[in-house]
């Protein structure tokens, strides 16, 4: 276990919280973060690009002119790939670009990303974050105190607080369930509310696996007890 400082909106230390070292002090493994980001970027691709083949374009398959005597190159159709307005050969068709990553690799990638932010001093725990007025300028004032570049806030926020952050181009909020590597790497400062810290810990905690031992049978199937 390790301790993280809990800050208020004025960046004052108001307490400490014990967290799992495996989550916030993980070994640097960049290939896992790379695989996670590739998975996310592939999932964003729509895969709807489509071109028409010679069987789908509008036109006739009739021979345009006789084979010989015209002085032109012989042609069998005007809808072939070599003709203007003809079908496209080997063009794109709708398909999925998405790829998958196993659950253990996803969890470890998130641990590595959070740990790197912690090593860089770009991760902080907030006691709470609430803008009851819903005004953007109040949210901007608090968030700009932590970073003058960009901020990612992780927490279960009220409707008013979400509304106060919606017009901030340099800030974004996520629920603990929506935590992902791409956003962790994209934003300069990561803020996690104290209430959401437990959910993040539950999602990324190390689950101990029990080793099962096989026991030898005391008697064979065909043996009859005396």
Protein backbone atom coordinates (compact mmCIF):
# COMPACT_ATOMS: atom_id res chain seq x y z
CA UNK A 1 0.00 0.00 0.00
CA UNK A 2 1.03 3.60 -0.56
CA UNK A 3 -0.36 7.00 0.41
CA UNK A 4 -1.68 9.73 -1.86
CA UNK A 5 -2.43 13.23 -0.68
CA UNK A 6 -6.02 14.46 -0.81
CA UNK A 7 -6.35 18.06 -1.99
CA UNK A 8 -9.17 20.56 -1.92
CA UNK A 9 -10.09 22.98 -4.73
CA UNK A 10 -7.35 25.36 -3.54
CA UNK A 11 -4.66 22.64 -3.80
CA UNK A 12 -4.38 22.45 -0.01
CA UNK A 13 -3.67 19.07 1.58
CA UNK A 14 -6.69 18.00 3.63
CA UNK A 15 -5.86 14.35 4.18
CA UNK A 16 -4.27 11.15 2.90
CA UNK A 17 -5.63 8.01 1.32
CA UNK A 18 -4.13 4.53 1.15
CA UNK A 19 -4.07 3.12 -2.38
CA UNK A 20 -2.76 0.00 -4.02
CA UNK A 21 0.83 0.23 -5.29
CA UNK A 22 -0.02 -2.08 -8.18
CA UNK A 23 -2.34 0.61 -9.56
CA UNK A 24 -0.39 3.82 -8.95
CA UNK A 25 3.17 2.49 -8.92
CA UNK A 26 3.18 -0.06 -11.72
CA UNK A 27 6.17 -0.95 -13.87
CA UNK A 28 6.50 1.04 -17.11
CA UNK A 29 5.25 -1.14 -19.97
CA UNK A 30 4.64 1.11 -22.99
CA UNK A 31 3.63 -1.72 -25.34
CA UNK A 32 0.47 -2.32 -23.29
CA UNK A 33 -0.57 1.33 -23.54
CA UNK A 34 0.17 1.23 -27.26
CA UNK A 35 -2.03 -1.84 -27.79
CA UNK A 36 -4.85 -0.23 -25.80
CA UNK A 37 -4.71 3.03 -27.80
CA UNK A 38 -4.60 1.12 -31.10
CA UNK A 39 -7.71 -0.79 -29.99
CA UNK A 40 -9.50 2.46 -29.14
CA UNK A 41 -8.53 4.21 -32.38
CA UNK A 42 -9.59 1.23 -34.48
CA UNK A 43 -12.96 1.19 -32.69
CA UNK A 44 -13.49 4.84 -33.70
CA UNK A 45 -13.28 4.00 -37.40
CA UNK A 46 -16.73 3.70 -38.96
CA UNK A 47 -15.70 1.34 -41.73
CA UNK A 48 -18.46 2.62 -44.02
CA UNK A 49 -16.31 3.50 -47.07
CA UNK A 50 -17.78 1.82 -50.13
CA UNK A 51 -17.27 1.92 -53.90
CA UNK A 52 -19.30 0.36 -56.69
CA UNK A 53 -18.02 -2.55 -58.72
CA UNK A 54 -18.74 -2.99 -62.43
CA UNK A 55 -21.82 -5.01 -61.43
CA UNK A 56 -23.22 -2.12 -59.36
CA UNK A 57 -22.63 0.98 -61.52
CA UNK A 58 -25.36 2.31 -63.78
CA UNK A 59 -24.82 1.35 -67.40
CA UNK A 60 -25.16 -1.39 -69.96
CA UNK A 61 -22.93 -4.34 -70.62
CA UNK A 62 -23.56 -4.12 -74.35
CA UNK A 63 -20.53 -3.94 -76.61
CA UNK A 64 -20.17 -0.21 -77.47
CA UNK A 65 -19.01 -0.66 -81.07
CA UNK A 66 -17.93 -3.41 -83.42
CA UNK A 67 -14.67 -5.22 -82.89
CA UNK A 68 -12.88 -4.12 -86.07
CA UNK A 69 -12.79 -1.29 -88.54
CA UNK A 70 -13.28 1.72 -86.29
CA UNK A 71 -9.64 2.59 -85.69
CA UNK A 72 -10.20 2.51 -81.92
CA UNK A 73 -9.04 0.01 -79.38
CA UNK A 74 -11.44 -2.85 -79.04
CA UNK A 75 -13.91 -2.49 -76.15
CA UNK A 76 -16.28 -5.01 -74.68
CA UNK A 77 -18.06 -2.74 -72.19
CA UNK A 78 -18.26 0.84 -70.92
CA UNK A 79 -18.70 -0.05 -67.26
CA UNK A 80 -15.32 -1.71 -66.78
CA UNK A 81 -12.72 -0.35 -64.30
CA UNK A 82 -10.68 1.14 -67.19
CA UNK A 83 -13.56 3.33 -68.36
CA UNK A 84 -14.54 6.79 -66.99
CA UNK A 85 -17.55 6.29 -64.76
CA UNK A 86 -17.00 2.56 -64.70
CA UNK A 87 -16.81 0.28 -61.70
CA UNK A 88 -13.93 0.36 -59.24
CA UNK A 89 -11.67 -2.68 -59.07
CA UNK A 90 -10.60 -3.75 -55.57
CA UNK A 91 -12.16 -0.66 -53.97
CA UNK A 92 -13.09 -0.38 -50.28
CA UNK A 93 -16.18 -2.09 -48.93
CA UNK A 94 -17.84 -1.70 -45.52
CA UNK A 95 -16.14 -3.77 -42.85
CA UNK A 96 -15.18 -3.60 -39.19
CA UNK A 97 -11.79 -2.28 -38.12
CA UNK A 98 -12.25 -3.04 -34.43
CA UNK A 99 -9.82 -5.28 -32.59
CA UNK A 100 -9.91 -6.78 -29.12
CA UNK A 101 -7.57 -6.83 -26.15
CA UNK A 102 -7.90 -9.30 -23.32
CA UNK A 103 -9.16 -8.05 -19.96
CA UNK A 104 -5.89 -8.51 -18.07
CA UNK A 105 -3.97 -6.50 -20.66
CA UNK A 106 -6.56 -3.69 -20.51
CA UNK A 107 -6.35 -3.48 -16.71
CA UNK A 108 -2.56 -3.51 -16.72
CA UNK A 109 -2.45 -0.80 -19.39
CA UNK A 110 -4.66 1.43 -17.23
CA UNK A 111 -2.40 0.80 -14.23
CA UNK A 112 0.68 1.75 -16.24
CA UNK A 113 -0.96 4.95 -17.53
CA UNK A 114 -2.08 6.03 -14.05
CA UNK A 115 1.32 5.18 -12.59
CA UNK A 116 3.13 7.28 -15.18
CA UNK A 117 0.94 10.28 -14.36
CA UNK A 118 1.67 9.71 -10.70
CA UNK A 119 5.45 9.52 -11.32
CA UNK A 120 5.27 12.77 -13.30
CA UNK A 121 3.33 14.52 -10.53
CA UNK A 122 0.36 14.94 -12.87
CA UNK A 123 -2.16 13.01 -10.77
CA UNK A 124 -4.10 14.38 -7.80
CA UNK A 125 -6.94 13.23 -5.54
CA UNK A 126 -9.68 15.79 -4.82
CA UNK A 127 -11.82 15.64 -1.72
CA UNK A 128 -14.76 16.75 -3.87
CA UNK A 129 -15.57 18.69 -7.01
CA UNK A 130 -18.97 20.31 -7.18
CA UNK A 131 -20.17 23.45 -8.98
CA UNK A 132 -23.69 24.01 -7.67
CA UNK A 133 -24.24 27.12 -9.81
CA UNK A 134 -23.35 25.28 -13.01
CA UNK A 135 -21.26 28.25 -14.18
CA UNK A 136 -18.34 27.55 -16.48
CA UNK A 137 -16.13 30.30 -15.07
CA UNK A 138 -16.17 28.69 -11.61
CA UNK A 139 -15.13 25.31 -13.00
CA UNK A 140 -12.44 26.96 -15.12
CA UNK A 141 -11.04 28.81 -12.11
CA UNK A 142 -10.62 25.60 -10.12
CA UNK A 143 -9.29 23.42 -12.95
CA UNK A 144 -6.84 26.03 -14.24
CA UNK A 145 -5.30 26.08 -10.76
CA UNK A 146 -4.13 22.50 -11.30
CA UNK A 147 -2.99 22.84 -14.91
CA UNK A 148 -2.77 25.63 -17.46
CA UNK A 149 -2.94 23.11 -20.32
CA UNK A 150 -5.62 20.41 -20.04
CA UNK A 151 -7.36 18.52 -17.25
CA UNK A 152 -9.21 15.21 -17.05
CA UNK A 153 -11.62 14.87 -14.13
CA UNK A 154 -12.69 11.38 -13.09
CA UNK A 155 -15.74 11.23 -10.85
CA UNK A 156 -19.48 10.82 -10.49
CA UNK A 157 -20.57 14.41 -11.02
CA UNK A 158 -23.88 16.15 -10.56
CA UNK A 159 -25.83 17.56 -13.51
CA UNK A 160 -24.86 21.13 -12.60
CA UNK A 161 -21.16 20.25 -12.38
CA UNK A 162 -21.25 18.51 -15.76
CA UNK A 163 -22.94 21.53 -17.30
CA UNK A 164 -20.21 23.81 -15.95
CA UNK A 165 -17.52 21.76 -17.76
CA UNK A 166 -19.25 21.12 -21.07
CA UNK A 167 -17.95 24.32 -22.71
CA UNK A 168 -14.35 23.88 -21.55
CA UNK A 169 -12.34 22.74 -24.55
CA UNK A 170 -9.28 21.96 -22.46
CA UNK A 171 -11.11 19.84 -19.87
CA UNK A 172 -13.13 16.66 -19.84
CA UNK A 173 -14.98 14.59 -17.25
CA UNK A 174 -15.34 10.83 -17.11
CA UNK A 175 -17.06 8.38 -14.82
CA UNK A 176 -14.79 5.77 -13.14
CA UNK A 177 -16.32 3.17 -15.45
CA UNK A 178 -15.27 5.19 -18.51
CA UNK A 179 -11.60 5.41 -17.56
CA UNK A 180 -9.41 4.71 -20.61
CA UNK A 181 -5.76 4.97 -21.65
CA UNK A 182 -6.23 7.38 -24.56
CA UNK A 183 -7.71 10.10 -22.35
CA UNK A 184 -5.14 9.49 -19.63
CA UNK A 185 -2.35 10.12 -22.14
CA UNK A 186 -4.12 12.97 -23.93
CA UNK A 187 -4.69 15.23 -20.92
CA UNK A 188 -1.92 16.92 -18.96
CA UNK A 189 -3.43 16.73 -15.45
CA UNK A 190 -5.53 13.89 -14.03
CA UNK A 191 -7.91 14.59 -11.13
CA UNK A 192 -9.78 11.83 -9.32
CA UNK A 193 -12.44 12.57 -6.74
CA UNK A 194 -12.14 10.78 -3.41
CA UNK A 195 -15.51 9.06 -3.84
CA UNK A 196 -14.46 7.64 -7.22
CA UNK A 197 -11.07 6.45 -6.01
CA UNK A 198 -12.62 3.35 -4.46
CA UNK A 199 -14.35 2.48 -7.75
CA UNK A 200 -11.10 2.89 -9.67
CA UNK A 201 -9.37 0.67 -7.12
CA UNK A 202 -12.08 -2.00 -7.39
CA UNK A 203 -11.85 -1.99 -11.17
CA UNK A 204 -8.06 -2.22 -11.34
CA UNK A 205 -7.20 -4.16 -8.19
CA UNK A 206 -5.09 -7.29 -8.38
CA UNK A 207 -7.19 -10.38 -7.89
CA UNK A 208 -5.29 -13.19 -6.21
CA UNK A 209 -5.65 -16.45 -8.08
CA UNK A 210 -6.01 -19.62 -6.06
CA UNK A 211 -3.85 -22.53 -7.11
CA UNK A 212 -5.77 -25.77 -7.19
CA UNK A 213 -3.94 -28.93 -6.25
CA UNK A 214 -4.99 -32.32 -7.54
CA UNK A 215 -5.30 -35.11 -5.05
CA UNK A 216 -4.57 -38.68 -5.92
CA UNK A 217 -7.41 -41.10 -5.58
CA UNK A 218 -7.04 -43.36 -2.58
CA UNK A 219 -8.33 -46.37 -4.44
CA UNK A 220 -8.74 -47.32 -8.08
CA UNK A 221 -12.18 -47.74 -9.64
CA UNK A 222 -11.87 -51.49 -10.02
CA UNK A 223 -10.63 -52.17 -6.47
CA UNK A 224 -13.15 -53.56 -4.04
CA UNK A 225 -12.85 -52.59 -0.39
CA UNK A 226 -12.14 -55.47 1.98
